[in-house]
PDB file of N, CA and C in Angstrom:
ATOM      1  N   MET A   1       0.845  -1.184   0.000  1.00  0.00           N
ATOM      2  CA  MET A   1       0.000   0.000   0.000  1.00  0.00           C
ATOM      3  C   MET A   1       0.893   1.251   0.000  1.00  0.00           C
ATOM      4  N   LEU A   2       0.605   2.190  -0.875  1.00  0.00           N
ATOM      5  CA  LEU A   2       1.393   3.412  -0.974  1.00  0.00           C
ATOM      6  C   LEU A   2       1.005   4.390   0.127  1.00  0.00           C
ATOM      7  N   PRO A   3       1.978   5.098   0.667  1.00  0.00           N
ATOM      8  CA  PRO A   3       1.656   6.089   1.713  1.00  0.00           C
ATOM      9  C   PRO A   3       0.918   7.281   1.115  1.00  0.00           C
ATOM     10  N   SER A   4       0.069   7.856   1.897  1.00  0.00           N
ATOM     11  CA  SER A   4      -0.682   9.043   1.488  1.00  0.00           C
ATOM     12  C   SER A   4       0.170  10.281   1.685  1.00  0.00           C
ATOM     13  N   LEU A   5      -0.148  11.358   0.934  1.00  0.00           N
ATOM     14  CA  LEU A   5       0.571  12.622   1.126  1.00  0.00           C
ATOM     15  C   LEU A   5       0.383  13.161   2.531  1.00  0.00           C
ATOM     16  N   THR A   6      -0.768  12.893   3.122  1.00  0.00           N
ATOM     17  CA  THR A   6      -1.038  13.417   4.468  1.00  0.00           C
ATOM     18  C   THR A   6      -0.283  12.661   5.547  1.00  0.00           C
ATOM     19  N   ASP A   7       0.371  11.539   5.180  1.00  0.00           N
ATOM     20  CA  ASP A   7       1.161  10.796   6.159  1.00  0.00           C
ATOM     21  C   ASP A   7       2.457  11.515   6.503  1.00  0.00           C
ATOM     22  N   HIS A   8       2.955  12.324   5.615  1.00  0.00           N
ATOM     23  CA  HIS A   8       4.197  13.059   5.842  1.00  0.00           C
ATOM     24  C   HIS A   8       3.853  14.412   6.455  1.00  0.00           C
ATOM     25  N   PRO A   9       4.429  14.761   7.605  1.00  0.00           N
ATOM     26  CA  PRO A   9       4.062  16.012   8.295  1.00  0.00           C
ATOM     27  C   PRO A   9       4.240  17.276   7.448  1.00  0.00           C
ATOM     28  N   ALA A  10       5.297  17.357   6.665  1.00  0.00           N
ATOM     29  CA  ALA A  10       5.529  18.560   5.854  1.00  0.00           C
ATOM     30  C   ALA A  10       4.459  18.688   4.772  1.00  0.00           C
ATOM     31  N   CYS A  11       4.114  17.587   4.143  1.00  0.00           N
ATOM     32  CA  CYS A  11       3.075  17.604   3.103  1.00  0.00           C
ATOM     33  C   CYS A  11       1.717  17.932   3.708  1.00  0.00           C
ATOM     34  N   ALA A  12       1.440  17.380   4.871  1.00  0.00           N
ATOM     35  CA  ALA A  12       0.165  17.649   5.537  1.00  0.00           C
ATOM     36  C   ALA A  12       0.032  19.128   5.876  1.00  0.00           C
ATOM     37  N   ALA A  13       1.129  19.751   6.302  1.00  0.00           N
ATOM     38  CA  ALA A  13       1.099  21.174   6.642  1.00  0.00           C
ATOM     39  C   ALA A  13       0.832  22.021   5.399  1.00  0.00           C
ATOM     40  N   ILE A  14       1.458  21.679   4.288  1.00  0.00           N
ATOM     41  CA  ILE A  14       1.233  22.414   3.043  1.00  0.00           C
ATOM     42  C   ILE A  14      -0.215  22.268   2.594  1.00  0.00           C
ATOM     43  N   LEU A  15      -0.742  21.068   2.674  1.00  0.00           N
ATOM     44  CA  LEU A  15      -2.136  20.844   2.275  1.00  0.00           C
ATOM     45  C   LEU A  15      -3.104  21.630   3.163  1.00  0.00           C
ATOM     46  N   GLN A  16      -2.804  21.722   4.447  1.00  0.00           N
ATOM     47  CA  GLN A  16      -3.650  22.502   5.354  1.00  0.00           C
ATOM     48  C   GLN A  16      -3.624  23.983   4.990  1.00  0.00           C
ATOM     49  N   ARG A  17      -2.445  24.497   4.652  1.00  0.00           N
ATOM     50  CA  ARG A  17      -2.337  25.910   4.273  1.00  0.00           C
ATOM     51  C   ARG A  17      -3.069  26.173   2.960  1.00  0.00           C
ATOM     52  N   GLN A  18      -2.969  25.242   2.005  1.00  0.00           N
ATOM     53  CA  GLN A  18      -3.681  25.402   0.739  1.00  0.00           C
ATOM     54  C   GLN A  18      -5.193  25.382   0.956  1.00  0.00           C
ATOM     55  N   GLU A  19      -5.653  24.494   1.808  1.00  0.00           N
ATOM     56  CA  GLU A  19      -7.079  24.422   2.118  1.00  0.00           C
ATOM     57  C   GLU A  19      -7.553  25.712   2.788  1.00  0.00           C
ATOM     58  N   PHE A  20      -6.731  26.273   3.670  1.00  0.00           N
ATOM     59  CA  PHE A  20      -7.078  27.527   4.333  1.00  0.00           C
ATOM     60  C   PHE A  20      -7.253  28.644   3.313  1.00  0.00           C
ATOM     61  N   ILE A  21      -6.328  28.741   2.350  1.00  0.00           N
ATOM     62  CA  ILE A  21      -6.415  29.777   1.313  1.00  0.00           C
ATOM     63  C   ILE A  21      -7.718  29.623   0.526  1.00  0.00           C
ATOM     64  N   SER A  22      -8.049  28.407   0.145  1.00  0.00           N
ATOM     65  CA  SER A  22      -9.288  28.176  -0.612  1.00  0.00           C
ATOM     66  C   SER A  22     -10.525  28.557   0.202  1.00  0.00           C
ATOM     67  N   LYS A  23     -10.530  28.191   1.480  1.00  0.00           N
ATOM     68  CA  LYS A  23     -11.673  28.531   2.336  1.00  0.00           C
ATOM     69  C   LYS A  23     -11.766  30.043   2.564  1.00  0.00           C
ATOM     70  N   LEU A  24     -10.616  30.703   2.713  1.00  0.00           N
ATOM     71  CA  LEU A  24     -10.607  32.151   2.891  1.00  0.00           C
ATOM     72  C   LEU A  24     -11.168  32.853   1.662  1.00  0.00           C
ATOM     73  N   ALA A  25     -10.746  32.432   0.480  1.00  0.00           N
ATOM     74  CA  ALA A  25     -11.245  33.043  -0.755  1.00  0.00           C
ATOM     75  C   ALA A  25     -12.755  32.854  -0.880  1.00  0.00           C
ATOM     76  N   ARG A  26     -13.203  31.665  -0.593  1.00  0.00           N
ATOM     77  CA  ARG A  26     -14.650  31.385  -0.667  1.00  0.00           C
ATOM     78  C   ARG A  26     -15.422  32.236   0.336  1.00  0.00           C
ATOM     79  N   ALA A  27     -14.912  32.336   1.560  1.00  0.00           N
ATOM     80  CA  ALA A  27     -15.594  33.120   2.593  1.00  0.00           C
ATOM     81  C   ALA A  27     -15.630  34.598   2.230  1.00  0.00           C
ATOM     82  N   MET A  28     -14.524  35.119   1.691  1.00  0.00           N
ATOM     83  CA  MET A  28     -14.506  36.527   1.306  1.00  0.00           C
ATOM     84  C   MET A  28     -15.528  36.819   0.216  1.00  0.00           C
ATOM     85  N   MET A  29     -15.675  35.882  -0.716  1.00  0.00           N
ATOM     86  CA  MET A  29     -16.667  36.061  -1.786  1.00  0.00           C
ATOM     87  C   MET A  29     -18.092  35.943  -1.239  1.00  0.00           C
ATOM     88  N   MET A  30     -18.325  34.954  -0.386  1.00  0.00           N
ATOM     89  CA  MET A  30     -19.679  34.711   0.129  1.00  0.00           C
ATOM     90  C   MET A  30     -20.171  35.834   1.031  1.00  0.00           C
ATOM     91  N   PHE A  31     -19.263  36.431   1.795  1.00  0.00           N
ATOM     92  CA  PHE A  31     -19.679  37.426   2.769  1.00  0.00           C
ATOM     93  C   PHE A  31     -19.380  38.846   2.340  1.00  0.00           C
ATOM     94  N   GLY A  32     -19.211  39.039   1.039  1.00  0.00           N
ATOM     95  CA  GLY A  32     -19.156  40.387   0.494  1.00  0.00           C
ATOM     96  C   GLY A  32     -17.839  41.106   0.632  1.00  0.00           C
ATOM     97  N   GLY A  33     -16.744  40.379   0.566  1.00  0.00           N
ATOM     98  CA  GLY A  33     -15.442  41.047   0.564  1.00  0.00           C
ATOM     99  C   GLY A  33     -15.340  41.945  -0.660  1.00  0.00           C
ATOM    100  N   PRO A  34     -14.689  43.091  -0.544  1.00  0.00           N
ATOM    101  CA  PRO A  34     -14.598  44.013  -1.683  1.00  0.00           C
ATOM    102  C   PRO A  34     -13.819  43.377  -2.835  1.00  0.00           C
ATOM    103  N   SER A  35     -14.426  43.353  -3.998  1.00  0.00           N
ATOM    104  CA  SER A  35     -13.827  42.652  -5.130  1.00  0.00           C
ATOM    105  C   SER A  35     -12.496  43.260  -5.553  1.00  0.00           C
ATOM    106  N   HIS A  36     -12.324  44.556  -5.349  1.00  0.00           N
ATOM    107  CA  HIS A  36     -11.068  45.180  -5.756  1.00  0.00           C
ATOM    108  C   HIS A  36      -9.903  44.797  -4.846  1.00  0.00           C
ATOM    109  N   ARG A  37     -10.197  44.206  -3.701  1.00  0.00           N
ATOM    110  CA  ARG A  37      -9.138  43.791  -2.773  1.00  0.00           C
ATOM    111  C   ARG A  37      -8.975  42.285  -2.678  1.00  0.00           C
ATOM    112  N   LEU A  38      -9.878  41.543  -3.248  1.00  0.00           N
ATOM    113  CA  LEU A  38      -9.915  40.095  -3.062  1.00  0.00           C
ATOM    114  C   LEU A  38      -8.598  39.425  -3.456  1.00  0.00           C
ATOM    115  N   VAL A  39      -8.127  39.659  -4.665  1.00  0.00           N
ATOM    116  CA  VAL A  39      -6.911  39.000  -5.139  1.00  0.00           C
ATOM    117  C   VAL A  39      -5.710  39.432  -4.302  1.00  0.00           C
ATOM    118  N   ALA A  40      -5.597  40.720  -4.018  1.00  0.00           N
ATOM    119  CA  ALA A  40      -4.454  41.211  -3.234  1.00  0.00           C
ATOM    120  C   ALA A  40      -4.426  40.583  -1.841  1.00  0.00           C
ATOM    121  N   GLN A  41      -5.571  40.475  -1.199  1.00  0.00           N
ATOM    122  CA  GLN A  41      -5.618  39.892   0.148  1.00  0.00           C
ATOM    123  C   GLN A  41      -5.270  38.407   0.124  1.00  0.00           C
ATOM    124  N   ILE A  42      -5.775  37.685  -0.867  1.00  0.00           N
ATOM    125  CA  ILE A  42      -5.476  36.257  -0.975  1.00  0.00           C
ATOM    126  C   ILE A  42      -3.989  36.059  -1.255  1.00  0.00           C
ATOM    127  N   GLN A  43      -3.418  36.869  -2.136  1.00  0.00           N
ATOM    128  CA  GLN A  43      -1.994  36.744  -2.441  1.00  0.00           C
ATOM    129  C   GLN A  43      -1.123  37.094  -1.242  1.00  0.00           C
ATOM    130  N   SER A  44      -1.489  38.124  -0.501  1.00  0.00           N
ATOM    131  CA  SER A  44      -0.674  38.475   0.672  1.00  0.00           C
ATOM    132  C   SER A  44      -0.786  37.398   1.750  1.00  0.00           C
ATOM    133  N   THR A  45      -1.942  36.788   1.886  1.00  0.00           N
ATOM    134  CA  THR A  45      -2.091  35.681   2.835  1.00  0.00           C
ATOM    135  C   THR A  45      -1.223  34.501   2.420  1.00  0.00           C
ATOM    136  N   ALA A  46      -1.191  34.209   1.134  1.00  0.00           N
ATOM    137  CA  ALA A  46      -0.353  33.107   0.631  1.00  0.00           C
ATOM    138  C   ALA A  46       1.124  33.383   0.897  1.00  0.00           C
ATOM    139  N   ARG A  47       1.544  34.638   0.747  1.00  0.00           N
ATOM    140  CA  ARG A  47       2.941  34.982   1.033  1.00  0.00           C
ATOM    141  C   ARG A  47       3.276  34.728   2.506  1.00  0.00           C
ATOM    142  N   VAL A  48       2.362  35.125   3.390  1.00  0.00           N
ATOM    143  CA  VAL A  48       2.579  34.902   4.827  1.00  0.00           C
ATOM    144  C   VAL A  48       2.673  33.405   5.131  1.00  0.00           C
ATOM    145  N   LEU A  49       1.850  32.617   4.433  1.00  0.00           N
ATOM    146  CA  LEU A  49       1.850  31.172   4.651  1.00  0.00           C
ATOM    147  C   LEU A  49       2.931  30.455   3.845  1.00  0.00           C
ATOM    148  N   GLU A  50       3.776  31.236   3.153  1.00  0.00           N
ATOM    149  CA  GLU A  50       4.875  30.703   2.361  1.00  0.00           C
ATOM    150  C   GLU A  50       4.397  29.735   1.277  1.00  0.00           C
ATOM    151  N   LEU A  51       3.363  30.157   0.551  1.00  0.00           N
ATOM    152  CA  LEU A  51       2.839  29.400  -0.578  1.00  0.00           C
ATOM    153  C   LEU A  51       2.992  30.224  -1.843  1.00  0.00           C
ATOM    154  N   GLU A  52       3.264  29.557  -2.962  1.00  0.00           N
ATOM    155  CA  GLU A  52       3.248  30.226  -4.250  1.00  0.00           C
ATOM    156  C   GLU A  52       1.816  30.162  -4.768  1.00  0.00           C
ATOM    157  N   LEU A  53       1.277  31.312  -5.148  1.00  0.00           N
ATOM    158  CA  LEU A  53      -0.128  31.364  -5.549  1.00  0.00           C
ATOM    159  C   LEU A  53      -0.279  32.220  -6.787  1.00  0.00           C
ATOM    160  N   SER A  54      -1.090  31.758  -7.686  1.00  0.00           N
ATOM    161  CA  SER A  54      -1.494  32.538  -8.840  1.00  0.00           C
ATOM    162  C   SER A  54      -3.017  32.503  -8.849  1.00  0.00           C
ATOM    163  N   CYS A  55      -3.653  33.660  -8.894  1.00  0.00           N
ATOM    164  CA  CYS A  55      -5.111  33.654  -8.873  1.00  0.00           C
ATOM    165  C   CYS A  55      -5.670  34.747  -9.763  1.00  0.00           C
ATOM    166  N   MET A  56      -6.926  34.554 -10.132  1.00  0.00           N
ATOM    167  CA  MET A  56      -7.634  35.489 -10.988  1.00  0.00           C
ATOM    168  C   MET A  56      -9.069  35.570 -10.475  1.00  0.00           C
ATOM    169  N   TYR A  57      -9.603  36.773 -10.383  1.00  0.00           N
ATOM    170  CA  TYR A  57     -10.961  36.964  -9.890  1.00  0.00           C
ATOM    171  C   TYR A  57     -11.868  37.399 -11.032  1.00  0.00           C
ATOM    172  N   LEU A  58     -12.969  36.717 -11.177  1.00  0.00           N
ATOM    173  CA  LEU A  58     -14.058  37.093 -12.073  1.00  0.00           C
ATOM    174  C   LEU A  58     -15.294  37.186 -11.188  1.00  0.00           C
ATOM    175  N   PRO A  59     -16.275  37.957 -11.550  1.00  0.00           N
ATOM    176  CA  PRO A  59     -17.475  38.040 -10.688  1.00  0.00           C
ATOM    177  C   PRO A  59     -18.025  36.651 -10.340  1.00  0.00           C
ATOM    178  N   ASP A  60     -18.140  36.396  -9.067  1.00  0.00           N
ATOM    179  CA  ASP A  60     -18.659  35.142  -8.506  1.00  0.00           C
ATOM    180  C   ASP A  60     -17.769  33.928  -8.710  1.00  0.00           C
ATOM    181  N   VAL A  61     -16.542  34.121  -9.219  1.00  0.00           N
ATOM    182  CA  VAL A  61     -15.636  33.000  -9.441  1.00  0.00           C
ATOM    183  C   VAL A  61     -14.221  33.455  -9.105  1.00  0.00           C
ATOM    184  N   ILE A  62     -13.485  32.628  -8.361  1.00  0.00           N
ATOM    185  CA  ILE A  62     -12.055  32.873  -8.184  1.00  0.00           C
ATOM    186  C   ILE A  62     -11.325  31.613  -8.600  1.00  0.00           C
ATOM    187  N   VAL A  63     -10.320  31.790  -9.424  1.00  0.00           N
ATOM    188  CA  VAL A  63      -9.521  30.679  -9.904  1.00  0.00           C
ATOM    189  C   VAL A  63      -8.162  30.817  -9.240  1.00  0.00           C
ATOM    190  N   ASP A  64      -7.769  29.779  -8.501  1.00  0.00           N
ATOM    191  CA  ASP A  64      -6.462  29.829  -7.865  1.00  0.00           C
ATOM    192  C   ASP A  64      -5.652  28.600  -8.237  1.00  0.00           C
ATOM    193  N   GLN A  65      -4.367  28.789  -8.305  1.00  0.00           N
ATOM    194  CA  GLN A  65      -3.454  27.705  -8.598  1.00  0.00           C
ATOM    195  C   GLN A  65      -2.393  27.729  -7.522  1.00  0.00           C
ATOM    196  N   LEU A  66      -2.390  26.690  -6.712  1.00  0.00           N
ATOM    197  CA  LEU A  66      -1.415  26.586  -5.615  1.00  0.00           C
ATOM    198  C   LEU A  66      -0.332  25.619  -6.002  1.00  0.00           C
TER     199      LEU A  66
END
């Protein structure tokens, strides 16, 4: 049986940070975050979490690549 990515502590931490970014983006959109700040806030959060992020915002849709 092959080990899962979540079995390795470093991989699990990265996956948790990526999940946090996705949940933050969704929450900002759902609760009326200002659209002109959405991408900048998500990118600055990714920098703090030491993740490389590329994202694009369209009305009601955010596309992110972690």
